[in-house]
């Protein structure tokens, strides 16, 4: 599957998924035995759950920021 993302972007995304225990990682050796092993990733929770959880987190962060902005308005 091609995502169009660069390697650093993929690493950040995979780290986030791994920290939340949403993926399973398996390393597989290449047939010739040369080079680095290939990492295979598999989702262990449904994609809908991941998307809704990320959405909830972003909405919660936005509420905190908006609350801080409102407090600053009342101070000024």
PDB file of N, CA and C in Angstrom:
ATOM      1  N   UNK A   1       0.849  -1.171   0.000  1.00  0.00           N
ATOM      2  CA  UNK A   1       0.000   0.000   0.000  1.00  0.00           C
ATOM      3  C   UNK A   1       0.897   1.237   0.000  1.00  0.00           C
ATOM      4  N   UNK A   2       0.605   2.193  -0.839  1.00  0.00           N
ATOM      5  CA  UNK A   2       1.389   3.414  -0.951  1.00  0.00           C
ATOM      6  C   UNK A   2       0.614   4.554  -0.304  1.00  0.00           C
ATOM      7  N   UNK A   3       1.288   5.287   0.588  1.00  0.00           N
ATOM      8  CA  UNK A   3       0.609   6.368   1.305  1.00  0.00           C
ATOM      9  C   UNK A   3       0.976   7.750   0.790  1.00  0.00           C
ATOM     10  N   UNK A   4       2.094   7.863   0.090  1.00  0.00           N
ATOM     11  CA  UNK A   4       2.554   9.169  -0.369  1.00  0.00           C
ATOM     12  C   UNK A   4       3.269   9.951   0.722  1.00  0.00           C
ATOM     13  N   UNK A   5       3.509   9.310   1.872  1.00  0.00           N
ATOM     14  CA  UNK A   5       4.208   9.965   2.975  1.00  0.00           C
ATOM     15  C   UNK A   5       5.696   9.660   2.907  1.00  0.00           C
ATOM     16  N   UNK A   6       6.491  10.583   3.434  1.00  0.00           N
ATOM     17  CA  UNK A   6       7.932  10.345   3.527  1.00  0.00           C
ATOM     18  C   UNK A   6       8.211   9.492   4.764  1.00  0.00           C
ATOM     19  N   UNK A   7       9.400   8.906   4.806  1.00  0.00           N
ATOM     20  CA  UNK A   7       9.756   7.997   5.894  1.00  0.00           C
ATOM     21  C   UNK A   7       9.631   8.637   7.275  1.00  0.00           C
ATOM     22  N   UNK A   8      10.086   9.886   7.492  1.00  0.00           N
ATOM     23  CA  UNK A   8       9.934  10.466   8.835  1.00  0.00           C
ATOM     24  C   UNK A   8       8.469  10.606   9.260  1.00  0.00           C
ATOM     25  N   UNK A   9       7.594  10.925   8.318  1.00  0.00           N
ATOM     26  CA  UNK A   9       6.167  11.055   8.625  1.00  0.00           C
ATOM     27  C   UNK A   9       5.572   9.700   8.995  1.00  0.00           C
ATOM     28  N   UNK A  10       5.988   8.669   8.296  1.00  0.00           N
ATOM     29  CA  UNK A  10       5.512   7.319   8.592  1.00  0.00           C
ATOM     30  C   UNK A  10       5.996   6.898   9.975  1.00  0.00           C
ATOM     31  N   UNK A  11       7.250   7.200  10.309  1.00  0.00           N
ATOM     32  CA  UNK A  11       7.797   6.835  11.617  1.00  0.00           C
ATOM     33  C   UNK A  11       7.021   7.494  12.748  1.00  0.00           C
ATOM     34  N   UNK A  12       6.676   8.771  12.589  1.00  0.00           N
ATOM     35  CA  UNK A  12       5.907   9.484  13.615  1.00  0.00           C
ATOM     36  C   UNK A  12       4.534   8.834  13.780  1.00  0.00           C
ATOM     37  N   UNK A  13       3.875   8.544  12.670  1.00  0.00           N
ATOM     38  CA  UNK A  13       2.546   7.930  12.721  1.00  0.00           C
ATOM     39  C   UNK A  13       2.606   6.545  13.360  1.00  0.00           C
ATOM     40  N   UNK A  14       3.590   5.748  12.984  1.00  0.00           N
ATOM     41  CA  UNK A  14       3.713   4.399  13.533  1.00  0.00           C
ATOM     42  C   UNK A  14       4.030   4.435  15.027  1.00  0.00           C
ATOM     43  N   UNK A  15       4.851   5.391  15.446  1.00  0.00           N
ATOM     44  CA  UNK A  15       5.171   5.530  16.865  1.00  0.00           C
ATOM     45  C   UNK A  15       3.892   5.822  17.657  1.00  0.00           C
ATOM     46  N   UNK A  16       3.066   6.725  17.130  1.00  0.00           N
ATOM     47  CA  UNK A  16       1.801   7.074  17.786  1.00  0.00           C
ATOM     48  C   UNK A  16       0.881   5.855  17.882  1.00  0.00           C
ATOM     49  N   UNK A  17       0.775   5.101  16.800  1.00  0.00           N
ATOM     50  CA  UNK A  17      -0.062   3.902  16.801  1.00  0.00           C
ATOM     51  C   UNK A  17       0.476   2.848  17.763  1.00  0.00           C
ATOM     52  N   UNK A  18       1.799   2.708  17.813  1.00  0.00           N
ATOM     53  CA  UNK A  18       2.427   1.728  18.703  1.00  0.00           C
ATOM     54  C   UNK A  18       2.229   2.115  20.167  1.00  0.00           C
ATOM     55  N   UNK A  19       2.365   3.419  20.493  1.00  0.00           N
ATOM     56  CA  UNK A  19       2.189   3.893  21.870  1.00  0.00           C
ATOM     57  C   UNK A  19       0.775   3.636  22.375  1.00  0.00           C
ATOM     58  N   UNK A  20      -0.180   3.618  21.470  1.00  0.00           N
ATOM     59  CA  UNK A  20      -1.570   3.373  21.843  1.00  0.00           C
ATOM     60  C   UNK A  20      -1.970   1.899  21.708  1.00  0.00           C
ATOM     61  N   UNK A  21      -1.008   1.038  21.416  1.00  0.00           N
ATOM     62  CA  UNK A  21      -1.241  -0.405  21.256  1.00  0.00           C
ATOM     63  C   UNK A  21      -2.319  -0.704  20.220  1.00  0.00           C
ATOM     64  N   UNK A  22      -2.236  -0.012  19.101  1.00  0.00           N
ATOM     65  CA  UNK A  22      -3.205  -0.193  18.028  1.00  0.00           C
ATOM     66  C   UNK A  22      -2.642  -1.013  16.872  1.00  0.00           C
ATOM     67  N   UNK A  23      -1.346  -1.332  16.898  1.00  0.00           N
ATOM     68  CA  UNK A  23      -0.749  -2.103  15.805  1.00  0.00           C
ATOM     69  C   UNK A  23       0.086  -3.249  16.347  1.00  0.00           C
ATOM     70  N   UNK A  24       0.268  -4.235  15.495  1.00  0.00           N
ATOM     71  CA  UNK A  24       1.151  -5.365  15.761  1.00  0.00           C
ATOM     72  C   UNK A  24       2.288  -5.269  14.749  1.00  0.00           C
ATOM     73  N   UNK A  25       3.528  -5.393  15.227  1.00  0.00           N
ATOM     74  CA  UNK A  25       4.696  -5.279  14.344  1.00  0.00           C
ATOM     75  C   UNK A  25       5.386  -6.634  14.271  1.00  0.00           C
ATOM     76  N   UNK A  26       5.700  -7.034  13.039  1.00  0.00           N
ATOM     77  CA  UNK A  26       6.405  -8.285  12.823  1.00  0.00           C
ATOM     78  C   UNK A  26       7.566  -8.014  11.874  1.00  0.00           C
ATOM     79  N   UNK A  27       8.724  -8.567  12.188  1.00  0.00           N
ATOM     80  CA  UNK A  27       9.878  -8.414  11.295  1.00  0.00           C
ATOM     81  C   UNK A  27      10.071  -9.707  10.522  1.00  0.00           C
ATOM     82  N   UNK A  28      10.335  -9.560   9.243  1.00  0.00           N
ATOM     83  CA  UNK A  28      10.525 -10.714   8.384  1.00  0.00           C
ATOM     84  C   UNK A  28      11.837 -10.559   7.634  1.00  0.00           C
ATOM     85  N   UNK A  29      12.630 -11.621   7.634  1.00  0.00           N
ATOM     86  CA  UNK A  29      13.908 -11.592   6.918  1.00  0.00           C
ATOM     87  C   UNK A  29      13.659 -11.664   5.418  1.00  0.00           C
ATOM     88  N   UNK A  30      14.538 -11.023   4.691  1.00  0.00           N
ATOM     89  CA  UNK A  30      14.456 -11.125   3.227  1.00  0.00           C
ATOM     90  C   UNK A  30      14.945 -12.503   2.803  1.00  0.00           C
ATOM     91  N   UNK A  31      14.565 -12.922   1.632  1.00  0.00           N
ATOM     92  CA  UNK A  31      14.880 -14.281   1.184  1.00  0.00           C
ATOM     93  C   UNK A  31      16.377 -14.516   1.008  1.00  0.00           C
ATOM     94  N   UNK A  32      17.122 -13.497   0.595  1.00  0.00           N
ATOM     95  CA  UNK A  32      18.558 -13.668   0.350  1.00  0.00           C
ATOM     96  C   UNK A  32      19.367 -13.579   1.640  1.00  0.00           C
ATOM     97  N   UNK A  33      18.778 -13.049   2.706  1.00  0.00           N
ATOM     98  CA  UNK A  33      19.502 -12.934   3.962  1.00  0.00           C
ATOM     99  C   UNK A  33      20.363 -11.693   4.047  1.00  0.00           C
ATOM    100  N   UNK A  34      20.271 -10.805   3.067  1.00  0.00           N
ATOM    101  CA  UNK A  34      21.065  -9.579   3.083  1.00  0.00           C
ATOM    102  C   UNK A  34      20.168  -8.401   3.404  1.00  0.00           C
ATOM    103  N   UNK A  35      20.754  -7.399   4.024  1.00  0.00           N
ATOM    104  CA  UNK A  35      20.013  -6.179   4.307  1.00  0.00           C
ATOM    105  C   UNK A  35      19.187  -6.273   5.576  1.00  0.00           C
ATOM    106  N   UNK A  36      18.486  -5.209   5.823  1.00  0.00           N
ATOM    107  CA  UNK A  36      17.654  -5.141   7.023  1.00  0.00           C
ATOM    108  C   UNK A  36      16.383  -5.958   6.833  1.00  0.00           C
ATOM    109  N   UNK A  37      15.863  -6.476   7.952  1.00  0.00           N
ATOM    110  CA  UNK A  37      14.579  -7.180   7.841  1.00  0.00           C
ATOM    111  C   UNK A  37      13.451  -6.195   7.521  1.00  0.00           C
ATOM    112  N   UNK A  38      12.410  -6.685   6.916  1.00  0.00           N
ATOM    113  CA  UNK A  38      11.249  -5.871   6.565  1.00  0.00           C
ATOM    114  C   UNK A  38      10.301  -5.865   7.761  1.00  0.00           C
ATOM    115  N   UNK A  39       9.779  -4.685   8.107  1.00  0.00           N
ATOM    116  CA  UNK A  39       8.793  -4.598   9.182  1.00  0.00           C
ATOM    117  C   UNK A  39       7.400  -4.633   8.571  1.00  0.00           C
ATOM    118  N   UNK A  40       6.580  -5.514   9.092  1.00  0.00           N
ATOM    119  CA  UNK A  40       5.198  -5.635   8.647  1.00  0.00           C
ATOM    120  C   UNK A  40       4.290  -5.167   9.779  1.00  0.00           C
ATOM    121  N   UNK A  41       3.385  -4.253   9.464  1.00  0.00           N
ATOM    122  CA  UNK A  41       2.485  -3.681  10.455  1.00  0.00           C
ATOM    123  C   UNK A  41       1.062  -4.163  10.187  1.00  0.00           C
ATOM    124  N   UNK A  42       0.327  -4.424  11.285  1.00  0.00           N
ATOM    125  CA  UNK A  42      -1.061  -4.865  11.164  1.00  0.00           C
ATOM    126  C   UNK A  42      -1.872  -4.187  12.258  1.00  0.00           C
ATOM    127  N   UNK A  43      -3.010  -3.595  11.882  1.00  0.00           N
ATOM    128  CA  UNK A  43      -3.892  -2.990  12.878  1.00  0.00           C
ATOM    129  C   UNK A  43      -4.512  -4.087  13.732  1.00  0.00           C
ATOM    130  N   UNK A  44      -4.558  -3.861  15.051  1.00  0.00           N
ATOM    131  CA  UNK A  44      -5.193  -4.840  15.935  1.00  0.00           C
ATOM    132  C   UNK A  44      -6.502  -4.299  16.515  1.00  0.00           C
ATOM    133  N   UNK A  45      -6.846  -3.067  16.163  1.00  0.00           N
ATOM    134  CA  UNK A  45      -8.157  -2.492  16.501  1.00  0.00           C
ATOM    135  C   UNK A  45      -8.751  -1.932  15.207  1.00  0.00           C
ATOM    136  N   UNK A  46     -10.057  -1.804  15.136  1.00  0.00           N
ATOM    137  CA  UNK A  46     -10.673  -1.298  13.902  1.00  0.00           C
ATOM    138  C   UNK A  46     -10.262   0.143  13.596  1.00  0.00           C
ATOM    139  N   UNK A  47     -10.147   0.450  12.320  1.00  0.00           N
ATOM    140  CA  UNK A  47      -9.764   1.792  11.877  1.00  0.00           C
ATOM    141  C   UNK A  47     -10.763   2.839  12.370  1.00  0.00           C
ATOM    142  N   UNK A  48     -12.054   2.500  12.389  1.00  0.00           N
ATOM    143  CA  UNK A  48     -13.076   3.435  12.870  1.00  0.00           C
ATOM    144  C   UNK A  48     -12.810   3.858  14.314  1.00  0.00           C
ATOM    145  N   UNK A  49     -12.380   2.899  15.140  1.00  0.00           N
ATOM    146  CA  UNK A  49     -12.077   3.205  16.540  1.00  0.00           C
ATOM    147  C   UNK A  49     -10.904   4.174  16.632  1.00  0.00           C
ATOM    148  N   UNK A  50      -9.856   3.923  15.856  1.00  0.00           N
ATOM    149  CA  UNK A  50      -8.668   4.784  15.873  1.00  0.00           C
ATOM    150  C   UNK A  50      -9.040   6.203  15.466  1.00  0.00           C
ATOM    151  N   UNK A  51      -9.792   6.337  14.385  1.00  0.00           N
ATOM    152  CA  UNK A  51     -10.178   7.661  13.892  1.00  0.00           C
ATOM    153  C   UNK A  51     -11.035   8.388  14.925  1.00  0.00           C
ATOM    154  N   UNK A  52     -11.999   7.692  15.529  1.00  0.00           N
ATOM    155  CA  UNK A  52     -12.867   8.356  16.512  1.00  0.00           C
ATOM    156  C   UNK A  52     -12.090   8.755  17.758  1.00  0.00           C
ATOM    157  N   UNK A  53     -11.137   7.940  18.180  1.00  0.00           N
ATOM    158  CA  UNK A  53     -10.318   8.265  19.358  1.00  0.00           C
ATOM    159  C   UNK A  53      -9.446   9.490  19.082  1.00  0.00           C
ATOM    160  N   UNK A  54      -8.821   9.547  17.918  1.00  0.00           N
ATOM    161  CA  UNK A  54      -8.000  10.708  17.555  1.00  0.00           C
ATOM    162  C   UNK A  54      -8.878  11.953  17.487  1.00  0.00           C
ATOM    163  N   UNK A  55     -10.064  11.812  16.911  1.00  0.00           N
ATOM    164  CA  UNK A  55     -10.996  12.934  16.816  1.00  0.00           C
ATOM    165  C   UNK A  55     -11.390  13.437  18.210  1.00  0.00           C
ATOM    166  N   UNK A  56     -11.690  12.522  19.128  1.00  0.00           N
ATOM    167  CA  UNK A  56     -12.033  12.900  20.501  1.00  0.00           C
ATOM    168  C   UNK A  56     -10.892  13.664  21.163  1.00  0.00           C
ATOM    169  N   UNK A  57      -9.665  13.178  20.984  1.00  0.00           N
ATOM    170  CA  UNK A  57      -8.499  13.836  21.583  1.00  0.00           C
ATOM    171  C   UNK A  57      -8.319  15.250  21.043  1.00  0.00           C
ATOM    172  N   UNK A  58      -8.485  15.423  19.745  1.00  0.00           N
ATOM    173  CA  UNK A  58      -8.308  16.743  19.127  1.00  0.00           C
ATOM    174  C   UNK A  58      -9.399  17.703  19.590  1.00  0.00           C
ATOM    175  N   UNK A  59     -10.633  17.226  19.685  1.00  0.00           N
ATOM    176  CA  UNK A  59     -11.732  18.074  20.155  1.00  0.00           C
ATOM    177  C   UNK A  59     -11.488  18.490  21.605  1.00  0.00           C
ATOM    178  N   UNK A  60     -11.023  17.568  22.442  1.00  0.00           N
ATOM    179  CA  UNK A  60     -10.738  17.892  23.842  1.00  0.00           C
ATOM    180  C   UNK A  60      -9.633  18.940  23.944  1.00  0.00           C
ATOM    181  N   UNK A  61      -8.564  18.778  23.155  1.00  0.00           N
ATOM    182  CA  UNK A  61      -7.473  19.764  23.151  1.00  0.00           C
ATOM    183  C   UNK A  61      -7.984  21.127  22.696  1.00  0.00           C
ATOM    184  N   UNK A  62      -8.840  21.136  21.695  1.00  0.00           N
ATOM    185  CA  UNK A  62      -9.386  22.396  21.182  1.00  0.00           C
ATOM    186  C   UNK A  62     -10.228  23.100  22.242  1.00  0.00           C
ATOM    187  N   UNK A  63     -10.997  22.344  23.001  1.00  0.00           N
ATOM    188  CA  UNK A  63     -11.805  22.937  24.074  1.00  0.00           C
ATOM    189  C   UNK A  63     -10.918  23.593  25.128  1.00  0.00           C
ATOM    190  N   UNK A  64      -9.821  22.949  25.466  1.00  0.00           N
ATOM    191  CA  UNK A  64      -8.890  23.517  26.449  1.00  0.00           C
ATOM    192  C   UNK A  64      -8.312  24.822  25.923  1.00  0.00           C
ATOM    193  N   UNK A  65      -7.881  24.835  24.679  1.00  0.00           N
ATOM    194  CA  UNK A  65      -7.302  26.044  24.080  1.00  0.00           C
ATOM    195  C   UNK A  65      -8.341  27.159  24.031  1.00  0.00           C
ATOM    196  N   UNK A  66      -9.560  26.845  23.611  1.00  0.00           N
ATOM    197  CA  UNK A  66     -10.616  27.861  23.555  1.00  0.00           C
ATOM    198  C   UNK A  66     -10.945  28.395  24.951  1.00  0.00           C
ATOM    199  N   UNK A  67     -10.927  27.530  25.939  1.00  0.00           N
ATOM    200  CA  UNK A  67     -11.139  27.971  27.321  1.00  0.00           C
ATOM    201  C   UNK A  67     -10.056  28.929  27.774  1.00  0.00           C
ATOM    202  N   UNK A  68      -8.816  28.640  27.429  1.00  0.00           N
ATOM    203  CA  UNK A  68      -7.697  29.523  27.773  1.00  0.00           C
ATOM    204  C   UNK A  68      -7.834  30.877  27.080  1.00  0.00           C
ATOM    205  N   UNK A  69      -8.251  30.864  25.835  1.00  0.00           N
ATOM    206  CA  UNK A  69      -8.443  32.119  25.095  1.00  0.00           C
ATOM    207  C   UNK A  69      -9.540  32.958  25.753  1.00  0.00           C
ATOM    208  N   UNK A  70     -10.633  32.321  26.157  1.00  0.00           N
ATOM    209  CA  UNK A  70     -11.718  33.047  26.823  1.00  0.00           C
ATOM    210  C   UNK A  70     -11.244  33.668  28.134  1.00  0.00           C
ATOM    211  N   UNK A  71     -10.431  32.943  28.893  1.00  0.00           N
ATOM    212  CA  UNK A  71      -9.889  33.493  30.146  1.00  0.00           C
ATOM    213  C   UNK A  71      -9.003  34.689  29.869  1.00  0.00           C
ATOM    214  N   UNK A  72      -8.198  34.619  28.814  1.00  0.00           N
ATOM    215  CA  UNK A  72      -7.342  35.756  28.451  1.00  0.00           C
ATOM    216  C   UNK A  72      -8.175  36.965  28.053  1.00  0.00           C
ATOM    217  N   UNK A  73      -9.287  36.739  27.366  1.00  0.00           N
ATOM    218  CA  UNK A  73     -10.161  37.849  26.976  1.00  0.00           C
ATOM    219  C   UNK A  73     -10.719  38.558  28.209  1.00  0.00           C
ATOM    220  N   UNK A  74     -11.074  37.789  29.233  1.00  0.00           N
ATOM    221  CA  UNK A  74     -11.644  38.377  30.448  1.00  0.00           C
ATOM    222  C   UNK A  74     -10.592  39.120  31.271  1.00  0.00           C
ATOM    223  N   UNK A  75      -9.341  38.703  31.164  1.00  0.00           N
ATOM    224  CA  UNK A  75      -8.256  39.386  31.878  1.00  0.00           C
ATOM    225  C   UNK A  75      -7.990  40.744  31.244  1.00  0.00           C
ATOM    226  N   UNK A  76      -7.995  40.794  29.914  1.00  0.00           N
ATOM    227  CA  UNK A  76      -7.666  42.026  29.186  1.00  0.00           C
ATOM    228  C   UNK A  76      -8.777  42.975  29.203  1.00  0.00           C
TER     229      UNK A  76
END
